[in-house]
Amino acid sequence: MKREKRRKIRNNTLHIFVVYTLSIMFISIFLITFLTIKNQCSKLKNDIIELKKATTINTSIVKKLQSNKNFFSSEQYISSQVKDIMVAIAPEPEIINMKNE
């Protein structure tokens, strides 16, 4: 009878140890997974914020370049830059007197 009791106590102790070990492992895996997902979410939020900032900056650069393009391709700018170099040459009229003799 004592042997059976010892064996039962030993099996019960082994069962408690296995359950305890498995529960610790499960909780550890769960917490590691949870923290990993939380860190990834935080990283993605920061990436989204950085992309929004970059988009705003690039949009302002594009608007500035479009404004410069409109200014530099305008007739007024081109004529002011080329005014000294190009001179419009119009033929001078000549007066020819013809006398009938």
PDB file of N, CA and C in Angstrom:
ATOM      1  N   MET A   1       0.792  -1.168   0.000  1.00  0.00           N
ATOM      2  CA  MET A   1       0.000   0.000   0.000  1.00  0.00           C
ATOM      3  C   MET A   1       0.860   1.269   0.000  1.00  0.00           C
ATOM      4  N   LYS A   2       1.933   1.262   0.769  1.00  0.00           N
ATOM      5  CA  LYS A   2       2.812   2.416   0.814  1.00  0.00           C
ATOM      6  C   LYS A   2       3.446   2.658  -0.548  1.00  0.00           C
ATOM      7  N   ARG A   3       3.746   1.578  -1.258  1.00  0.00           N
ATOM      8  CA  ARG A   3       4.354   1.733  -2.582  1.00  0.00           C
ATOM      9  C   ARG A   3       3.392   2.416  -3.554  1.00  0.00           C
ATOM     10  N   GLU A   4       2.168   2.011  -3.528  1.00  0.00           N
ATOM     11  CA  GLU A   4       1.176   2.612  -4.418  1.00  0.00           C
ATOM     12  C   GLU A   4       0.983   4.088  -4.088  1.00  0.00           C
ATOM     13  N   LYS A   5       0.974   4.388  -2.826  1.00  0.00           N
ATOM     14  CA  LYS A   5       0.804   5.771  -2.396  1.00  0.00           C
ATOM     15  C   LYS A   5       1.992   6.624  -2.854  1.00  0.00           C
ATOM     16  N   ARG A   6       3.195   6.083  -2.696  1.00  0.00           N
ATOM     17  CA  ARG A   6       4.387   6.807  -3.150  1.00  0.00           C
ATOM     18  C   ARG A   6       4.352   7.005  -4.659  1.00  0.00           C
ATOM     19  N   ARG A   7       3.985   5.970  -5.360  1.00  0.00           N
ATOM     20  CA  ARG A   7       3.925   6.050  -6.809  1.00  0.00           C
ATOM     21  C   ARG A   7       2.872   7.080  -7.246  1.00  0.00           C
ATOM     22  N   LYS A   8       1.735   7.104  -6.587  1.00  0.00           N
ATOM     23  CA  LYS A   8       0.668   8.042  -6.907  1.00  0.00           C
ATOM     24  C   LYS A   8       1.131   9.480  -6.626  1.00  0.00           C
ATOM     25  N   ILE A   9       1.815   9.658  -5.494  1.00  0.00           N
ATOM     26  CA  ILE A   9       2.335  10.989  -5.153  1.00  0.00           C
ATOM     27  C   ILE A   9       3.388  11.420  -6.169  1.00  0.00           C
ATOM     28  N   ARG A  10       4.246  10.490  -6.573  1.00  0.00           N
ATOM     29  CA  ARG A  10       5.292  10.801  -7.550  1.00  0.00           C
ATOM     30  C   ARG A  10       4.647  11.153  -8.891  1.00  0.00           C
ATOM     31  N   ASN A  11       3.655  10.407  -9.336  1.00  0.00           N
ATOM     32  CA  ASN A  11       2.958  10.699 -10.597  1.00  0.00           C
ATOM     33  C   ASN A  11       2.226  12.031 -10.510  1.00  0.00           C
ATOM     34  N   ASN A  12       1.630  12.282  -9.376  1.00  0.00           N
ATOM     35  CA  ASN A  12       0.928  13.549  -9.184  1.00  0.00           C
ATOM     36  C   ASN A  12       1.918  14.713  -9.217  1.00  0.00           C
ATOM     37  N   THR A  13       3.053  14.561  -8.583  1.00  0.00           N
ATOM     38  CA  THR A  13       4.083  15.583  -8.589  1.00  0.00           C
ATOM     39  C   THR A  13       4.624  15.801 -10.000  1.00  0.00           C
ATOM     40  N   LEU A  14       4.842  14.739 -10.727  1.00  0.00           N
ATOM     41  CA  LEU A  14       5.302  14.848 -12.117  1.00  0.00           C
ATOM     42  C   LEU A  14       4.255  15.561 -12.967  1.00  0.00           C
ATOM     43  N   HIS A  15       3.010  15.228 -12.771  1.00  0.00           N
ATOM     44  CA  HIS A  15       1.919  15.881 -13.514  1.00  0.00           C
ATOM     45  C   HIS A  15       1.885  17.384 -13.215  1.00  0.00           C
ATOM     46  N   ILE A  16       2.010  17.745 -11.956  1.00  0.00           N
ATOM     47  CA  ILE A  16       2.019  19.168 -11.575  1.00  0.00           C
ATOM     48  C   ILE A  16       3.223  19.868 -12.193  1.00  0.00           C
ATOM     49  N   PHE A  17       4.384  19.246 -12.184  1.00  0.00           N
ATOM     50  CA  PHE A  17       5.584  19.831 -12.777  1.00  0.00           C
ATOM     51  C   PHE A  17       5.404  20.055 -14.280  1.00  0.00           C
ATOM     52  N   VAL A  18       4.853  19.066 -14.975  1.00  0.00           N
ATOM     53  CA  VAL A  18       4.645  19.191 -16.425  1.00  0.00           C
ATOM     54  C   VAL A  18       3.647  20.301 -16.719  1.00  0.00           C
ATOM     55  N   VAL A  19       2.559  20.347 -15.994  1.00  0.00           N
ATOM     56  CA  VAL A  19       1.553  21.401 -16.207  1.00  0.00           C
ATOM     57  C   VAL A  19       2.166  22.769 -15.926  1.00  0.00           C
ATOM     58  N   TYR A  20       2.908  22.904 -14.865  1.00  0.00           N
ATOM     59  CA  TYR A  20       3.556  24.171 -14.514  1.00  0.00           C
ATOM     60  C   TYR A  20       4.533  24.590 -15.604  1.00  0.00           C
ATOM     61  N   THR A  21       5.366  23.666 -16.060  1.00  0.00           N
ATOM     62  CA  THR A  21       6.351  23.964 -17.092  1.00  0.00           C
ATOM     63  C   THR A  21       5.672  24.374 -18.400  1.00  0.00           C
ATOM     64  N   LEU A  22       4.658  23.624 -18.795  1.00  0.00           N
ATOM     65  CA  LEU A  22       3.948  23.957 -20.028  1.00  0.00           C
ATOM     66  C   LEU A  22       3.227  25.300 -19.920  1.00  0.00           C
ATOM     67  N   SER A  23       2.657  25.587 -18.775  1.00  0.00           N
ATOM     68  CA  SER A  23       1.972  26.880 -18.619  1.00  0.00           C
ATOM     69  C   SER A  23       2.976  28.029 -18.679  1.00  0.00           C
ATOM     70  N   ILE A  24       4.144  27.879 -18.072  1.00  0.00           N
ATOM     71  CA  ILE A  24       5.181  28.913 -18.140  1.00  0.00           C
ATOM     72  C   ILE A  24       5.633  29.108 -19.587  1.00  0.00           C
ATOM     73  N   MET A  25       5.823  28.022 -20.305  1.00  0.00           N
ATOM     74  CA  MET A  25       6.246  28.122 -21.714  1.00  0.00           C
ATOM     75  C   MET A  25       5.163  28.798 -22.554  1.00  0.00           C
ATOM     76  N   PHE A  26       3.909  28.427 -22.333  1.00  0.00           N
ATOM     77  CA  PHE A  26       2.814  29.028 -23.097  1.00  0.00           C
ATOM     78  C   PHE A  26       2.708  30.530 -22.816  1.00  0.00           C
ATOM     79  N   ILE A  27       2.781  30.901 -21.560  1.00  0.00           N
ATOM     80  CA  ILE A  27       2.703  32.321 -21.198  1.00  0.00           C
ATOM     81  C   ILE A  27       3.887  33.091 -21.791  1.00  0.00           C
ATOM     82  N   SER A  28       5.076  32.490 -21.750  1.00  0.00           N
ATOM     83  CA  SER A  28       6.262  33.156 -22.316  1.00  0.00           C
ATOM     84  C   SER A  28       6.105  33.357 -23.816  1.00  0.00           C
ATOM     85  N   ILE A  29       5.668  32.324 -24.521  1.00  0.00           N
ATOM     86  CA  ILE A  29       5.474  32.430 -25.978  1.00  0.00           C
ATOM     87  C   ILE A  29       4.410  33.471 -26.298  1.00  0.00           C
ATOM     88  N   PHE A  30       3.326  33.468 -25.522  1.00  0.00           N
ATOM     89  CA  PHE A  30       2.266  34.440 -25.744  1.00  0.00           C
ATOM     90  C   PHE A  30       2.778  35.872 -25.544  1.00  0.00           C
ATOM     91  N   LEU A  31       3.510  36.124 -24.474  1.00  0.00           N
ATOM     92  CA  LEU A  31       4.015  37.471 -24.204  1.00  0.00           C
ATOM     93  C   LEU A  31       5.031  37.923 -25.247  1.00  0.00           C
ATOM     94  N   ILE A  32       5.897  37.022 -25.668  1.00  0.00           N
ATOM     95  CA  ILE A  32       6.874  37.375 -26.710  1.00  0.00           C
ATOM     96  C   ILE A  32       6.162  37.724 -28.007  1.00  0.00           C
ATOM     97  N   THR A  33       5.163  36.936 -28.372  1.00  0.00           N
ATOM     98  CA  THR A  33       4.397  37.212 -29.591  1.00  0.00           C
ATOM     99  C   THR A  33       3.658  38.543 -29.472  1.00  0.00           C
ATOM    100  N   PHE A  34       3.029  38.770 -28.331  1.00  0.00           N
ATOM    101  CA  PHE A  34       2.296  40.013 -28.110  1.00  0.00           C
ATOM    102  C   PHE A  34       3.215  41.226 -28.218  1.00  0.00           C
ATOM    103  N   LEU A  35       4.360  41.165 -27.575  1.00  0.00           N
ATOM    104  CA  LEU A  35       5.297  42.294 -27.623  1.00  0.00           C
ATOM    105  C   LEU A  35       5.867  42.508 -29.023  1.00  0.00           C
ATOM    106  N   THR A  36       6.106  41.426 -29.736  1.00  0.00           N
ATOM    107  CA  THR A  36       6.597  41.550 -31.112  1.00  0.00           C
ATOM    108  C   THR A  36       5.570  42.255 -31.986  1.00  0.00           C
ATOM    109  N   ILE A  37       4.314  41.850 -31.866  1.00  0.00           N
ATOM    110  CA  ILE A  37       3.254  42.480 -32.662  1.00  0.00           C
ATOM    111  C   ILE A  37       3.088  43.945 -32.265  1.00  0.00           C
ATOM    112  N   LYS A  38       3.159  44.234 -30.986  1.00  0.00           N
ATOM    113  CA  LYS A  38       3.029  45.616 -30.514  1.00  0.00           C
ATOM    114  C   LYS A  38       4.157  46.487 -31.063  1.00  0.00           C
ATOM    115  N   ASN A  39       5.383  45.980 -31.051  1.00  0.00           N
ATOM    116  CA  ASN A  39       6.523  46.734 -31.584  1.00  0.00           C
ATOM    117  C   ASN A  39       6.379  46.961 -33.087  1.00  0.00           C
ATOM    118  N   GLN A  40       5.886  45.958 -33.798  1.00  0.00           N
ATOM    119  CA  GLN A  40       5.699  46.118 -35.245  1.00  0.00           C
ATOM    120  C   GLN A  40       4.646  47.188 -35.533  1.00  0.00           C
ATOM    121  N   CYS A  41       3.569  47.193 -34.747  1.00  0.00           N
ATOM    122  CA  CYS A  41       2.534  48.213 -34.927  1.00  0.00           C
ATOM    123  C   CYS A  41       3.092  49.608 -34.670  1.00  0.00           C
ATOM    124  N   SER A  42       3.877  49.725 -33.637  1.00  0.00           N
ATOM    125  CA  SER A  42       4.487  51.016 -33.319  1.00  0.00           C
ATOM    126  C   SER A  42       5.421  51.465 -34.439  1.00  0.00           C
ATOM    127  N   LYS A  43       6.198  50.539 -34.962  1.00  0.00           N
ATOM    128  CA  LYS A  43       7.117  50.862 -36.060  1.00  0.00           C
ATOM    129  C   LYS A  43       6.348  51.291 -37.305  1.00  0.00           C
ATOM    130  N   LEU A  44       5.241  50.592 -37.593  1.00  0.00           N
ATOM    131  CA  LEU A  44       4.442  50.949 -38.763  1.00  0.00           C
ATOM    132  C   LEU A  44       3.799  52.325 -38.599  1.00  0.00           C
ATOM    133  N   LYS A  45       3.347  52.664 -37.394  1.00  0.00           N
ATOM    134  CA  LYS A  45       2.789  53.996 -37.166  1.00  0.00           C
ATOM    135  C   LYS A  45       3.841  55.075 -37.418  1.00  0.00           C
ATOM    136  N   ASN A  46       5.054  54.838 -36.934  1.00  0.00           N
ATOM    137  CA  ASN A  46       6.132  55.806 -37.168  1.00  0.00           C
ATOM    138  C   ASN A  46       6.450  55.920 -38.652  1.00  0.00           C
ATOM    139  N   ASP A  47       6.450  54.794 -39.366  1.00  0.00           N
ATOM    140  CA  ASP A  47       6.699  54.830 -40.809  1.00  0.00           C
ATOM    141  C   ASP A  47       5.621  55.619 -41.538  1.00  0.00           C
ATOM    142  N   ILE A  48       4.374  55.454 -41.121  1.00  0.00           N
ATOM    143  CA  ILE A  48       3.274  56.193 -41.746  1.00  0.00           C
ATOM    144  C   ILE A  48       3.439  57.689 -41.517  1.00  0.00           C
ATOM    145  N   ILE A  49       3.819  58.065 -40.306  1.00  0.00           N
ATOM    146  CA  ILE A  49       4.031  59.488 -39.999  1.00  0.00           C
ATOM    147  C   ILE A  49       5.167  60.053 -40.851  1.00  0.00           C
ATOM    148  N   GLU A  50       6.263  59.301 -40.980  1.00  0.00           N
ATOM    149  CA  GLU A  50       7.394  59.755 -41.799  1.00  0.00           C
ATOM    150  C   GLU A  50       6.993  59.887 -43.268  1.00  0.00           C
ATOM    151  N   LEU A  51       6.201  58.955 -43.769  1.00  0.00           N
ATOM    152  CA  LEU A  51       5.757  59.033 -45.168  1.00  0.00           C
ATOM    153  C   LEU A  51       4.848  60.234 -45.392  1.00  0.00           C
ATOM    154  N   LYS A  52       3.998  60.533 -44.430  1.00  0.00           N
ATOM    155  CA  LYS A  52       3.139  61.718 -44.568  1.00  0.00           C
ATOM    156  C   LYS A  52       3.969  62.990 -44.595  1.00  0.00           C
ATOM    157  N   LYS A  53       4.992  63.057 -43.736  1.00  0.00           N
ATOM    158  CA  LYS A  53       5.874  64.229 -43.735  1.00  0.00           C
ATOM    159  C   LYS A  53       6.602  64.358 -45.073  1.00  0.00           C
ATOM    160  N   ALA A  54       7.112  63.232 -45.572  1.00  0.00           N
ATOM    161  CA  ALA A  54       7.831  63.250 -46.852  1.00  0.00           C
ATOM    162  C   ALA A  54       6.906  63.664 -47.986  1.00  0.00           C
ATOM    163  N   THR A  55       5.665  63.194 -47.951  1.00  0.00           N
ATOM    164  CA  THR A  55       4.699  63.563 -48.988  1.00  0.00           C
ATOM    165  C   THR A  55       4.430  65.062 -48.962  1.00  0.00           C
ATOM    166  N   THR A  56       4.270  65.619 -47.784  1.00  0.00           N
ATOM    167  CA  THR A  56       4.032  67.057 -47.660  1.00  0.00           C
ATOM    168  C   THR A  56       5.220  67.856 -48.197  1.00  0.00           C
ATOM    169  N   ILE A  57       6.414  67.441 -47.826  1.00  0.00           N
ATOM    170  CA  ILE A  57       7.615  68.144 -48.290  1.00  0.00           C
ATOM    171  C   ILE A  57       7.740  68.041 -49.813  1.00  0.00           C
ATOM    172  N   ASN A  58       7.537  66.837 -50.360  1.00  0.00           N
ATOM    173  CA  ASN A  58       7.663  66.654 -51.803  1.00  0.00           C
ATOM    174  C   ASN A  58       6.584  67.404 -52.559  1.00  0.00           C
ATOM    175  N   THR A  59       5.386  67.494 -51.991  1.00  0.00           N
ATOM    176  CA  THR A  59       4.314  68.250 -52.640  1.00  0.00           C
ATOM    177  C   THR A  59       4.682  69.720 -52.737  1.00  0.00           C
ATOM    178  N   SER A  60       5.246  70.270 -51.680  1.00  0.00           N
ATOM    179  CA  SER A  60       5.639  71.683 -51.725  1.00  0.00           C
ATOM    180  C   SER A  60       6.769  71.904 -52.728  1.00  0.00           C
ATOM    181  N   ILE A  61       7.689  70.945 -52.821  1.00  0.00           N
ATOM    182  CA  ILE A  61       8.780  71.068 -53.805  1.00  0.00           C
ATOM    183  C   ILE A  61       8.216  71.041 -55.226  1.00  0.00           C
ATOM    184  N   VAL A  62       7.265  70.146 -55.482  1.00  0.00           N
ATOM    185  CA  VAL A  62       6.670  70.047 -56.819  1.00  0.00           C
ATOM    186  C   VAL A  62       5.936  71.337 -57.169  1.00  0.00           C
ATOM    187  N   LYS A  63       5.198  71.898 -56.213  1.00  0.00           N
ATOM    188  CA  LYS A  63       4.489  73.154 -56.483  1.00  0.00           C
ATOM    189  C   LYS A  63       5.466  74.271 -56.803  1.00  0.00           C
ATOM    190  N   LYS A  64       6.566  74.329 -56.055  1.00  0.00           N
ATOM    191  CA  LYS A  64       7.576  75.362 -56.312  1.00  0.00           C
ATOM    192  C   LYS A  64       8.192  75.192 -57.698  1.00  0.00           C
ATOM    193  N   LEU A  65       8.500  73.946 -58.069  1.00  0.00           N
ATOM    194  CA  LEU A  65       9.083  73.703 -59.392  1.00  0.00           C
ATOM    195  C   LEU A  65       8.100  74.036 -60.506  1.00  0.00           C
ATOM    196  N   GLN A  66       6.823  73.740 -60.312  1.00  0.00           N
ATOM    197  CA  GLN A  66       5.826  74.090 -61.324  1.00  0.00           C
ATOM    198  C   GLN A  66       5.711  75.599 -61.472  1.00  0.00           C
ATOM    199  N   SER A  67       5.792  76.298 -60.358  1.00  0.00           N
ATOM    200  CA  SER A  67       5.751  77.758 -60.404  1.00  0.00           C
ATOM    201  C   SER A  67       6.962  78.294 -61.165  1.00  0.00           C
ATOM    202  N   ASN A  68       8.141  77.743 -60.875  1.00  0.00           N
ATOM    203  CA  ASN A  68       9.356  78.164 -61.597  1.00  0.00           C
ATOM    204  C   ASN A  68       9.244  77.848 -63.081  1.00  0.00           C
ATOM    205  N   LYS A  69       8.679  76.696 -63.407  1.00  0.00           N
ATOM    206  CA  LYS A  69       8.522  76.319 -64.816  1.00  0.00           C
ATOM    207  C   LYS A  69       7.629  77.321 -65.535  1.00  0.00           C
ATOM    208  N   ASN A  70       6.522  77.683 -64.906  1.00  0.00           N
ATOM    209  CA  ASN A  70       5.618  78.655 -65.524  1.00  0.00           C
ATOM    210  C   ASN A  70       6.306  80.004 -65.693  1.00  0.00           C
ATOM    211  N   PHE A  71       7.104  80.398 -64.706  1.00  0.00           N
ATOM    212  CA  PHE A  71       7.794  81.678 -64.803  1.00  0.00           C
ATOM    213  C   PHE A  71       8.850  81.651 -65.898  1.00  0.00           C
ATOM    214  N   PHE A  72       9.689  80.604 -65.927  1.00  0.00           N
ATOM    215  CA  PHE A  72      10.779  80.544 -66.887  1.00  0.00           C
ATOM    216  C   PHE A  72      10.305  80.296 -68.320  1.00  0.00           C
ATOM    217  N   SER A  73       9.134  79.742 -68.500  1.00  0.00           N
ATOM    218  CA  SER A  73       8.645  79.520 -69.862  1.00  0.00           C
ATOM    219  C   SER A  73       7.709  80.640 -70.328  1.00  0.00           C
ATOM    220  N   SER A  74       7.533  81.653 -69.512  1.00  0.00           N
ATOM    221  CA  SER A  74       6.653  82.756 -69.908  1.00  0.00           C
ATOM    222  C   SER A  74       7.332  83.627 -70.965  1.00  0.00           C
ATOM    223  N   GLU A  75       6.507  84.249 -71.760  1.00  0.00           N
ATOM    224  CA  GLU A  75       7.026  85.095 -72.843  1.00  0.00           C
ATOM    225  C   GLU A  75       7.774  86.299 -72.280  1.00  0.00           C
ATOM    226  N   GLN A  76       7.303  86.826 -71.183  1.00  0.00           N
ATOM    227  CA  GLN A  76       7.934  87.999 -70.579  1.00  0.00           C
ATOM    228  C   GLN A  76       9.359  87.681 -70.133  1.00  0.00           C
ATOM    229  N   TYR A  77       9.573  86.534 -69.475  1.00  0.00           N
ATOM    230  CA  TYR A  77      10.916  86.169 -69.011  1.00  0.00           C
ATOM    231  C   TYR A  77      11.845  85.918 -70.197  1.00  0.00           C
ATOM    232  N   ILE A  78      11.343  85.183 -71.170  1.00  0.00           N
ATOM    233  CA  ILE A  78      12.187  84.868 -72.336  1.00  0.00           C
ATOM    234  C   ILE A  78      12.569  86.139 -73.075  1.00  0.00           C
ATOM    235  N   SER A  79      11.619  87.034 -73.265  1.00  0.00           N
ATOM    236  CA  SER A  79      11.938  88.274 -73.982  1.00  0.00           C
ATOM    237  C   SER A  79      12.892  89.151 -73.169  1.00  0.00           C
ATOM    238  N   SER A  80      12.785  89.133 -71.845  1.00  0.00           N
ATOM    239  CA  SER A  80      13.718  89.951 -71.051  1.00  0.00           C
ATOM    240  C   SER A  80      15.133  89.377 -71.094  1.00  0.00           C
ATOM    241  N   GLN A  81      15.275  88.070 -71.201  1.00  0.00           N
ATOM    242  CA  GLN A  81      16.597  87.451 -71.256  1.00  0.00           C
ATOM    243  C   GLN A  81      17.231  87.613 -72.638  1.00  0.00           C
ATOM    244  N   VAL A  82      16.438  87.624 -73.662  1.00  0.00           N
ATOM    245  CA  VAL A  82      16.966  87.631 -75.022  1.00  0.00           C
ATOM    246  C   VAL A  82      16.961  89.042 -75.615  1.00  0.00           C
ATOM    247  N   LYS A  83      16.488  90.006 -74.868  1.00  0.00           N
ATOM    248  CA  LYS A  83      16.338  91.364 -75.389  1.00  0.00           C
ATOM    249  C   LYS A  83      17.646  91.931 -75.932  1.00  0.00           C
ATOM    250  N   ASP A  84      18.738  91.749 -75.214  1.00  0.00           N
ATOM    251  CA  ASP A  84      20.010  92.338 -75.631  1.00  0.00           C
ATOM    252  C   ASP A  84      20.659  91.547 -76.759  1.00  0.00           C
ATOM    253  N   ILE A  85      20.390  90.277 -76.831  1.00  0.00           N
ATOM    254  CA  ILE A  85      21.057  89.434 -77.824  1.00  0.00           C
ATOM    255  C   ILE A  85      20.353  89.504 -79.176  1.00  0.00           C
ATOM    256  N   MET A  86      19.075  89.343 -79.150  1.00  0.00           N
ATOM    257  CA  MET A  86      18.324  89.324 -80.406  1.00  0.00           C
ATOM    258  C   MET A  86      17.745  90.703 -80.680  1.00  0.00           C
ATOM    259  N   VAL A  87      17.977  91.141 -81.857  1.00  0.00           N
ATOM    260  CA  VAL A  87      17.433  92.423 -82.280  1.00  0.00           C
ATOM    261  C   VAL A  87      16.590  92.155 -83.511  1.00  0.00           C
ATOM    262  N   ALA A  88      15.407  92.609 -83.479  1.00  0.00           N
ATOM    263  CA  ALA A  88      14.522  92.414 -84.623  1.00  0.00           C
ATOM    264  C   ALA A  88      14.974  93.357 -85.730  1.00  0.00           C
ATOM    265  N   ILE A  89      15.262  92.779 -86.846  1.00  0.00           N
ATOM    266  CA  ILE A  89      15.735  93.576 -87.975  1.00  0.00           C
ATOM    267  C   ILE A  89      14.592  93.690 -88.970  1.00  0.00           C
ATOM    268  N   ALA A  90      14.225  94.908 -89.177  1.00  0.00           N
ATOM    269  CA  ALA A  90      13.171  95.175 -90.158  1.00  0.00           C
ATOM    270  C   ALA A  90      13.847  95.877 -91.337  1.00  0.00           C
ATOM    271  N   PRO A  91      13.481  95.504 -92.506  1.00  0.00           N
ATOM    272  CA  PRO A  91      14.105  96.171 -93.650  1.00  0.00           C
ATOM    273  C   PRO A  91      13.725  97.651 -93.695  1.00  0.00           C
ATOM    274  N   GLU A  92      14.728  98.426 -93.982  1.00  0.00           N
ATOM    275  CA  GLU A  92      14.467  99.860 -94.068  1.00  0.00           C
ATOM    276  C   GLU A  92      13.936 100.169 -95.463  1.00  0.00           C
ATOM    277  N   PRO A  93      12.930 100.959 -95.472  1.00  0.00           N
ATOM    278  CA  PRO A  93      12.382 101.296 -96.798  1.00  0.00           C
ATOM    279  C   PRO A  93      13.321 102.268 -97.533  1.00  0.00           C
ATOM    280  N   GLU A  94      13.447 102.035 -98.807  1.00  0.00           N
ATOM    281  CA  GLU A  94      14.256 102.932 -99.625  1.00  0.00           C
ATOM    282  C   GLU A  94      13.332 103.668-100.585  1.00  0.00           C
ATOM    283  N   ILE A  95      13.649 104.888-100.749  1.00  0.00           N
ATOM    284  CA  ILE A  95      12.846 105.668-101.648  1.00  0.00           C
ATOM    285  C   ILE A  95      13.592 105.781-102.976  1.00  0.00           C
ATOM    286  N   ILE A  96      12.895 105.394-104.008  1.00  0.00           N
ATOM    287  CA  ILE A  96      13.495 105.423-105.336  1.00  0.00           C
ATOM    288  C   ILE A  96      12.701 106.432-106.155  1.00  0.00           C
ATOM    289  N   ASN A  97      13.419 107.391-106.606  1.00  0.00           N
ATOM    290  CA  ASN A  97      12.783 108.402-107.460  1.00  0.00           C
ATOM    291  C   ASN A  97      12.985 108.009-108.910  1.00  0.00           C
ATOM    292  N   MET A  98      11.959 107.873-109.603  1.00  0.00           N
ATOM    293  CA  MET A  98      12.051 107.530-111.019  1.00  0.00           C
ATOM    294  C   MET A  98      11.499 108.710-111.837  1.00  0.00           C
ATOM    295  N   LYS A  99      12.306 109.127-112.677  1.00  0.00           N
ATOM    296  CA  LYS A  99      11.881 110.228-113.516  1.00  0.00           C
ATOM    297  C   LYS A  99      11.699 109.715-114.937  1.00  0.00           C
ATOM    298  N   ASN A 100      10.647 110.117-115.492  1.00  0.00           N
ATOM    299  CA  ASN A 100      10.406 109.736-116.883  1.00  0.00           C
ATOM    300  C   ASN A 100      11.087 110.740-117.774  1.00  0.00           C
ATOM    301  N   GLU A 101      12.024 110.302-118.519  1.00  0.00           N
ATOM    302  CA  GLU A 101      12.696 111.241-119.399  1.00  0.00           C
ATOM    303  C   GLU A 101      12.408 110.949-120.799  1.00  0.00           C
TER     304      GLU A 101
END
